[in-house]
Amino acid sequence: MVQARHLKARLLIYPAAFNMTTGPAHWELLIRSRALDNQVFVAACSPARATNGDGYKAWGNSMVVDPWGKIFAATEEKEDLVIAEIDQARVEKVRKAIPTSKHRRADLYTLEYLK
């Protein structure tokens, strides 16, 4: 959360290729959690699931999640395109509703940003 907030991020993009074991168990949970704990939009991009051959079987299910953790645009496992309109004002509305940054105790630690 601190890093995204420090960089004034409104959108995080995660390209990933979760498989048929980790995808069902973790994909949606992790993406929605990153949106909520960073209070930003998250676009999670995954390859479509291959249906022929013995190659890698990706979970698919690309999605866009709002800062509240709500999925508002998504695909399934097949090749598809996600088009989502992002309301940047939503970020500030969520941050005002749940002001987690006010609970930060920067006096207890130091962060160094590497370039």
N, C-alpha and C. Protein backbone atom coordinates (compact mmCIF):
# COMPACT_ATOMS: atom_id res chain seq x y z
N MET A 1 0.82 -1.19 0.00
CA MET A 1 0.00 0.00 0.00
C MET A 1 0.86 1.25 0.00
N VAL A 2 1.89 1.26 0.79
CA VAL A 2 2.72 2.45 0.92
C VAL A 2 3.36 2.81 -0.42
N GLN A 3 3.88 1.83 -1.12
CA GLN A 3 4.56 2.09 -2.38
C GLN A 3 3.59 2.65 -3.42
N ALA A 4 2.44 2.05 -3.58
CA ALA A 4 1.45 2.53 -4.56
C ALA A 4 0.99 3.93 -4.20
N ARG A 5 0.77 4.19 -2.94
CA ARG A 5 0.32 5.51 -2.49
C ARG A 5 1.42 6.54 -2.70
N HIS A 6 2.66 6.18 -2.38
CA HIS A 6 3.80 7.09 -2.54
C HIS A 6 3.96 7.49 -4.01
N LEU A 7 3.74 6.56 -4.90
CA LEU A 7 3.88 6.82 -6.33
C LEU A 7 2.61 7.40 -6.96
N LYS A 8 1.60 7.65 -6.14
CA LYS A 8 0.32 8.21 -6.59
C LYS A 8 -0.36 7.35 -7.65
N ALA A 9 -0.23 6.05 -7.49
CA ALA A 9 -0.84 5.11 -8.43
C ALA A 9 -2.35 5.13 -8.32
N ARG A 10 -3.01 4.98 -9.43
CA ARG A 10 -4.46 4.83 -9.50
C ARG A 10 -4.83 3.47 -10.09
N LEU A 11 -3.84 2.85 -10.75
CA LEU A 11 -4.05 1.57 -11.43
C LEU A 11 -2.78 0.74 -11.33
N LEU A 12 -2.92 -0.51 -10.91
CA LEU A 12 -1.82 -1.47 -10.93
C LEU A 12 -2.17 -2.51 -11.98
N ILE A 13 -1.18 -2.94 -12.74
CA ILE A 13 -1.39 -3.95 -13.78
C ILE A 13 -0.54 -5.16 -13.45
N TYR A 14 -1.18 -6.30 -13.36
CA TYR A 14 -0.50 -7.55 -13.04
C TYR A 14 -0.64 -8.53 -14.19
N PRO A 15 0.42 -8.73 -14.98
CA PRO A 15 0.39 -9.82 -15.94
C PRO A 15 0.85 -11.09 -15.22
N ALA A 16 0.12 -12.17 -15.38
CA ALA A 16 0.46 -13.41 -14.69
C ALA A 16 -0.11 -14.60 -15.45
N ALA A 17 0.41 -15.76 -15.15
CA ALA A 17 -0.06 -16.99 -15.80
C ALA A 17 -0.26 -18.07 -14.73
N PHE A 18 -1.26 -17.89 -13.90
CA PHE A 18 -1.57 -18.90 -12.89
C PHE A 18 -2.04 -20.17 -13.59
N ASN A 19 -1.74 -21.31 -12.99
CA ASN A 19 -2.10 -22.59 -13.62
C ASN A 19 -3.43 -23.11 -13.08
N MET A 20 -3.75 -24.32 -13.43
CA MET A 20 -5.04 -24.91 -13.06
C MET A 20 -5.11 -25.32 -11.58
N THR A 21 -3.98 -25.28 -10.89
CA THR A 21 -3.96 -25.56 -9.46
C THR A 21 -4.08 -24.26 -8.66
N THR A 22 -3.19 -23.31 -8.96
CA THR A 22 -3.19 -22.05 -8.21
C THR A 22 -4.27 -21.08 -8.66
N GLY A 23 -4.68 -21.14 -9.91
CA GLY A 23 -5.69 -20.22 -10.42
C GLY A 23 -7.01 -20.26 -9.67
N PRO A 24 -7.65 -21.43 -9.60
CA PRO A 24 -8.94 -21.49 -8.90
C PRO A 24 -8.83 -21.11 -7.42
N ALA A 25 -7.71 -21.44 -6.81
CA ALA A 25 -7.55 -21.20 -5.37
C ALA A 25 -7.17 -19.76 -5.04
N HIS A 26 -6.35 -19.13 -5.89
CA HIS A 26 -5.74 -17.87 -5.48
C HIS A 26 -5.93 -16.67 -6.40
N TRP A 27 -6.16 -16.86 -7.68
CA TRP A 27 -6.15 -15.76 -8.65
C TRP A 27 -7.09 -14.62 -8.23
N GLU A 28 -8.37 -14.89 -8.13
CA GLU A 28 -9.33 -13.84 -7.79
C GLU A 28 -9.06 -13.26 -6.41
N LEU A 29 -8.77 -14.11 -5.45
CA LEU A 29 -8.49 -13.67 -4.09
C LEU A 29 -7.33 -12.67 -4.05
N LEU A 30 -6.24 -12.99 -4.72
CA LEU A 30 -5.06 -12.12 -4.71
C LEU A 30 -5.32 -10.80 -5.43
N ILE A 31 -5.98 -10.86 -6.57
CA ILE A 31 -6.21 -9.64 -7.34
C ILE A 31 -7.16 -8.70 -6.58
N ARG A 32 -8.23 -9.23 -6.06
CA ARG A 32 -9.17 -8.39 -5.29
C ARG A 32 -8.49 -7.84 -4.04
N SER A 33 -7.64 -8.63 -3.41
CA SER A 33 -6.93 -8.17 -2.21
C SER A 33 -5.97 -7.03 -2.54
N ARG A 34 -5.24 -7.14 -3.66
CA ARG A 34 -4.32 -6.06 -4.04
C ARG A 34 -5.08 -4.77 -4.32
N ALA A 35 -6.25 -4.86 -4.93
CA ALA A 35 -7.05 -3.65 -5.18
C ALA A 35 -7.49 -3.03 -3.86
N LEU A 36 -7.95 -3.85 -2.96
CA LEU A 36 -8.46 -3.36 -1.68
C LEU A 36 -7.35 -2.82 -0.78
N ASP A 37 -6.25 -3.55 -0.64
CA ASP A 37 -5.23 -3.07 0.29
C ASP A 37 -4.43 -1.89 -0.25
N ASN A 38 -4.38 -1.71 -1.57
CA ASN A 38 -3.73 -0.55 -2.16
C ASN A 38 -4.71 0.57 -2.48
N GLN A 39 -6.00 0.27 -2.42
CA GLN A 39 -7.07 1.22 -2.73
C GLN A 39 -6.87 1.84 -4.11
N VAL A 40 -6.66 0.98 -5.08
CA VAL A 40 -6.50 1.37 -6.48
C VAL A 40 -7.24 0.37 -7.37
N PHE A 41 -7.36 0.71 -8.63
CA PHE A 41 -7.86 -0.25 -9.61
C PHE A 41 -6.75 -1.24 -9.92
N VAL A 42 -7.12 -2.47 -10.20
CA VAL A 42 -6.15 -3.48 -10.60
C VAL A 42 -6.65 -4.15 -11.87
N ALA A 43 -5.78 -4.18 -12.88
CA ALA A 43 -6.05 -4.93 -14.10
C ALA A 43 -5.14 -6.15 -14.07
N ALA A 44 -5.73 -7.32 -14.08
CA ALA A 44 -4.97 -8.57 -14.02
C ALA A 44 -5.12 -9.28 -15.35
N CYS A 45 -4.00 -9.47 -16.03
CA CYS A 45 -4.00 -10.05 -17.38
C CYS A 45 -3.42 -11.46 -17.34
N SER A 46 -4.15 -12.39 -17.90
CA SER A 46 -3.72 -13.78 -17.93
C SER A 46 -3.85 -14.32 -19.34
N PRO A 47 -2.96 -15.22 -19.75
CA PRO A 47 -3.15 -15.85 -21.05
C PRO A 47 -4.41 -16.72 -21.05
N ALA A 48 -4.99 -16.86 -22.22
CA ALA A 48 -6.15 -17.76 -22.36
C ALA A 48 -5.68 -19.19 -22.15
N ARG A 49 -6.60 -20.05 -21.78
CA ARG A 49 -6.27 -21.45 -21.56
C ARG A 49 -6.17 -22.17 -22.90
N ALA A 50 -5.05 -22.82 -23.12
CA ALA A 50 -4.86 -23.62 -24.34
C ALA A 50 -5.73 -24.87 -24.25
N THR A 51 -6.43 -25.16 -25.31
CA THR A 51 -7.31 -26.33 -25.30
C THR A 51 -6.75 -27.50 -26.10
N ASN A 52 -5.66 -27.27 -26.78
CA ASN A 52 -5.06 -28.36 -27.55
C ASN A 52 -3.64 -28.62 -27.07
N GLY A 53 -3.22 -29.84 -27.16
CA GLY A 53 -1.85 -30.19 -26.79
C GLY A 53 -1.67 -30.41 -25.30
N ASP A 54 -0.43 -30.70 -24.95
CA ASP A 54 -0.08 -30.98 -23.56
C ASP A 54 0.69 -29.83 -22.93
N GLY A 55 0.59 -28.65 -23.51
CA GLY A 55 1.33 -27.50 -23.00
C GLY A 55 0.78 -26.97 -21.69
N TYR A 56 1.32 -25.88 -21.29
CA TYR A 56 0.93 -25.22 -20.04
C TYR A 56 -0.55 -24.82 -20.10
N LYS A 57 -1.26 -25.14 -19.07
CA LYS A 57 -2.68 -24.80 -18.99
C LYS A 57 -2.86 -23.62 -18.03
N ALA A 58 -3.01 -22.45 -18.62
CA ALA A 58 -3.22 -21.24 -17.81
C ALA A 58 -4.66 -21.18 -17.32
N TRP A 59 -4.86 -20.56 -16.19
CA TRP A 59 -6.18 -20.41 -15.61
C TRP A 59 -7.04 -19.44 -16.42
N GLY A 60 -6.41 -18.42 -17.02
CA GLY A 60 -7.19 -17.41 -17.74
C GLY A 60 -7.86 -16.47 -16.75
N ASN A 61 -9.08 -16.05 -17.06
CA ASN A 61 -9.88 -15.22 -16.15
C ASN A 61 -9.25 -13.86 -15.86
N SER A 62 -8.87 -13.14 -16.92
CA SER A 62 -8.39 -11.76 -16.74
C SER A 62 -9.52 -10.93 -16.15
N MET A 63 -9.16 -9.87 -15.42
CA MET A 63 -10.21 -9.07 -14.77
C MET A 63 -9.71 -7.68 -14.44
N VAL A 64 -10.67 -6.79 -14.22
CA VAL A 64 -10.40 -5.45 -13.71
C VAL A 64 -11.22 -5.31 -12.43
N VAL A 65 -10.54 -4.86 -11.37
CA VAL A 65 -11.16 -4.77 -10.04
C VAL A 65 -11.07 -3.32 -9.57
N ASP A 66 -12.12 -2.84 -8.92
CA ASP A 66 -12.11 -1.46 -8.44
C ASP A 66 -11.45 -1.38 -7.05
N PRO A 67 -11.20 -0.16 -6.54
CA PRO A 67 -10.51 -0.02 -5.25
C PRO A 67 -11.26 -0.60 -4.06
N TRP A 68 -12.52 -0.91 -4.21
CA TRP A 68 -13.31 -1.53 -3.15
C TRP A 68 -13.16 -3.04 -3.18
N GLY A 69 -12.51 -3.58 -4.23
CA GLY A 69 -12.32 -5.02 -4.37
C GLY A 69 -13.39 -5.69 -5.21
N LYS A 70 -14.20 -4.90 -5.90
CA LYS A 70 -15.29 -5.43 -6.71
C LYS A 70 -14.83 -5.65 -8.16
N ILE A 71 -15.06 -6.85 -8.67
CA ILE A 71 -14.76 -7.15 -10.07
C ILE A 71 -15.83 -6.48 -10.92
N PHE A 72 -15.40 -5.64 -11.87
CA PHE A 72 -16.41 -5.00 -12.72
C PHE A 72 -16.21 -5.24 -14.21
N ALA A 73 -15.17 -5.95 -14.57
CA ALA A 73 -14.97 -6.38 -15.96
C ALA A 73 -14.11 -7.63 -15.91
N ALA A 74 -14.50 -8.66 -16.66
CA ALA A 74 -13.75 -9.92 -16.58
C ALA A 74 -14.00 -10.79 -17.80
N THR A 75 -13.08 -11.71 -18.01
CA THR A 75 -13.23 -12.75 -19.02
C THR A 75 -13.27 -14.09 -18.31
N GLU A 76 -13.43 -15.13 -19.09
CA GLU A 76 -13.31 -16.47 -18.54
C GLU A 76 -11.98 -17.03 -19.05
N GLU A 77 -11.93 -18.33 -19.31
CA GLU A 77 -10.65 -18.93 -19.69
C GLU A 77 -10.31 -18.77 -21.16
N LYS A 78 -11.28 -18.44 -22.00
CA LYS A 78 -11.05 -18.34 -23.44
C LYS A 78 -10.41 -17.01 -23.81
N GLU A 79 -9.81 -16.97 -25.00
CA GLU A 79 -9.23 -15.72 -25.49
C GLU A 79 -10.33 -14.68 -25.62
N ASP A 80 -10.07 -13.51 -25.08
CA ASP A 80 -11.07 -12.45 -25.07
C ASP A 80 -10.37 -11.12 -24.83
N LEU A 81 -11.12 -10.06 -24.89
CA LEU A 81 -10.60 -8.72 -24.67
C LEU A 81 -11.44 -8.06 -23.59
N VAL A 82 -10.78 -7.44 -22.62
CA VAL A 82 -11.50 -6.72 -21.57
C VAL A 82 -11.35 -5.23 -21.83
N ILE A 83 -12.47 -4.56 -21.93
CA ILE A 83 -12.46 -3.10 -22.06
C ILE A 83 -13.22 -2.56 -20.86
N ALA A 84 -12.56 -1.71 -20.09
CA ALA A 84 -13.18 -1.19 -18.87
C ALA A 84 -12.91 0.30 -18.75
N GLU A 85 -13.93 1.05 -18.40
CA GLU A 85 -13.78 2.47 -18.14
C GLU A 85 -13.50 2.66 -16.66
N ILE A 86 -12.40 3.33 -16.37
CA ILE A 86 -11.97 3.51 -14.98
C ILE A 86 -12.29 4.92 -14.52
N ASP A 87 -13.07 5.02 -13.46
CA ASP A 87 -13.44 6.30 -12.86
C ASP A 87 -12.41 6.63 -11.79
N GLN A 88 -11.47 7.51 -12.11
CA GLN A 88 -10.39 7.81 -11.17
C GLN A 88 -10.90 8.45 -9.88
N ALA A 89 -12.05 9.10 -9.93
CA ALA A 89 -12.62 9.69 -8.72
C ALA A 89 -13.01 8.60 -7.72
N ARG A 90 -13.23 7.38 -8.20
CA ARG A 90 -13.59 6.26 -7.32
C ARG A 90 -12.47 5.98 -6.32
N VAL A 91 -11.22 6.16 -6.74
CA VAL A 91 -10.08 5.93 -5.85
C VAL A 91 -10.20 6.83 -4.62
N GLU A 92 -10.43 8.11 -4.82
CA GLU A 92 -10.53 9.04 -3.69
C GLU A 92 -11.76 8.75 -2.83
N LYS A 93 -12.86 8.35 -3.44
CA LYS A 93 -14.06 8.01 -2.67
C LYS A 93 -13.79 6.85 -1.72
N VAL A 94 -13.10 5.83 -2.22
CA VAL A 94 -12.78 4.67 -1.38
C VAL A 94 -11.78 5.05 -0.30
N ARG A 95 -10.79 5.85 -0.66
CA ARG A 95 -9.78 6.27 0.33
C ARG A 95 -10.39 7.11 1.44
N LYS A 96 -11.42 7.88 1.12
CA LYS A 96 -12.11 8.65 2.16
C LYS A 96 -12.99 7.75 3.02
N ALA A 97 -13.60 6.75 2.40
CA ALA A 97 -14.48 5.83 3.14
C ALA A 97 -13.69 4.94 4.09
N ILE A 98 -12.49 4.53 3.66
CA ILE A 98 -11.62 3.68 4.49
C ILE A 98 -10.24 4.34 4.52
N PRO A 99 -10.00 5.28 5.42
CA PRO A 99 -8.75 6.05 5.42
C PRO A 99 -7.57 5.31 6.04
N THR A 100 -7.16 4.22 5.43
CA THR A 100 -6.08 3.40 5.99
C THR A 100 -4.75 4.14 6.09
N SER A 101 -4.50 5.10 5.21
CA SER A 101 -3.22 5.80 5.25
C SER A 101 -3.07 6.63 6.52
N LYS A 102 -4.16 7.00 7.15
CA LYS A 102 -4.09 7.77 8.40
C LYS A 102 -3.60 6.92 9.57
N HIS A 103 -3.64 5.62 9.42
CA HIS A 103 -3.20 4.71 10.48
C HIS A 103 -1.72 4.34 10.35
N ARG A 104 -1.09 4.83 9.34
CA ARG A 104 0.32 4.51 9.10
C ARG A 104 1.18 5.18 10.16
N ARG A 105 2.14 4.43 10.70
CA ARG A 105 3.06 4.94 11.72
C ARG A 105 4.45 5.08 11.12
N ALA A 106 4.63 6.11 10.30
CA ALA A 106 5.91 6.33 9.63
C ALA A 106 7.02 6.66 10.62
N ASP A 107 6.68 7.00 11.84
CA ASP A 107 7.69 7.29 12.85
C ASP A 107 8.38 6.02 13.36
N LEU A 108 7.84 4.85 13.03
CA LEU A 108 8.38 3.59 13.52
C LEU A 108 9.32 2.89 12.54
N TYR A 109 9.38 3.37 11.31
CA TYR A 109 10.22 2.71 10.30
C TYR A 109 10.58 3.70 9.20
N THR A 110 11.54 3.31 8.39
CA THR A 110 11.98 4.13 7.27
C THR A 110 11.90 3.30 6.00
N LEU A 111 11.38 3.90 4.96
CA LEU A 111 11.33 3.24 3.65
C LEU A 111 12.35 3.88 2.73
N GLU A 112 13.05 3.06 1.98
CA GLU A 112 13.97 3.57 0.98
C GLU A 112 13.47 3.11 -0.38
N TYR A 113 13.33 4.04 -1.30
CA TYR A 113 12.85 3.71 -2.63
C TYR A 113 14.05 3.56 -3.56
N LEU A 114 14.19 2.40 -4.13
CA LEU A 114 15.30 2.10 -5.03
C LEU A 114 14.93 2.49 -6.45
N LYS A 115 15.89 2.96 -7.18
CA LYS A 115 15.65 3.33 -8.58
C LYS A 115 16.32 2.35 -9.49
